[in-house]
Amino acid sequence: MSEPQKFERGTSLSIFVSDRREDIGALVFALIIALGVVLVIGR
């Protein structure tokens, strides 16, 4: 049997060096959006 093909993660177009930094950046961005929505709707 041949070896399974290695899973290719993500894309080469990412501006981040590692997947962990990309994940943390996405979480921070989502938090900023959520806080903005709360502040705008909460008026």
Protein backbone atom coordinates (compact mmCIF):
# COMPACT_ATOMS: atom_id res chain seq x y z
CA MET A 1 0.00 0.00 0.00
CA SER A 2 1.16 3.51 -0.70
CA GLU A 3 1.58 6.04 2.06
CA PRO A 4 -1.33 8.44 2.56
CA GLN A 5 -0.84 11.88 1.05
CA LYS A 6 0.28 14.44 3.60
CA PHE A 7 -2.48 16.90 4.48
CA GLU A 8 -1.77 20.38 3.17
CA ARG A 9 -2.84 23.00 5.69
CA GLY A 10 -4.10 26.42 4.75
CA THR A 11 -2.92 28.50 1.87
CA SER A 12 0.38 30.09 0.92
CA LEU A 13 -1.35 33.48 0.69
CA SER A 14 -1.52 33.94 4.46
CA ILE A 15 0.16 37.07 5.86
CA PHE A 16 0.92 35.23 9.10
CA VAL A 17 4.03 33.15 9.79
CA SER A 18 2.26 30.39 11.71
CA ASP A 19 -1.23 28.96 12.05
CA ARG A 20 -1.28 29.87 15.73
CA ARG A 21 -0.68 33.56 15.00
CA GLU A 22 -3.38 33.45 12.35
CA ASP A 23 -5.85 31.92 14.83
CA ILE A 24 -5.05 34.48 17.52
CA GLY A 25 -5.33 37.31 15.00
CA ALA A 26 -8.74 36.03 13.91
CA LEU A 27 -9.91 35.82 17.52
CA VAL A 28 -8.76 39.38 18.26
CA PHE A 29 -10.43 40.64 15.08
CA ALA A 30 -13.70 38.88 16.00
CA LEU A 31 -13.55 40.36 19.50
CA ILE A 32 -13.10 43.87 18.10
CA ILE A 33 -16.08 43.37 15.78
CA ALA A 34 -18.21 41.99 18.64
CA LEU A 35 -17.32 44.93 20.91
CA GLY A 36 -18.10 47.38 18.09
CA VAL A 37 -21.51 45.79 17.53
CA VAL A 38 -22.28 45.88 21.26
CA LEU A 39 -21.29 49.54 21.49
CA VAL A 40 -23.28 50.59 18.41
CA ILE A 41 -26.44 48.60 19.21
CA GLY A 42 -26.19 49.20 22.95
CA ARG A 43 -26.82 52.93 22.61
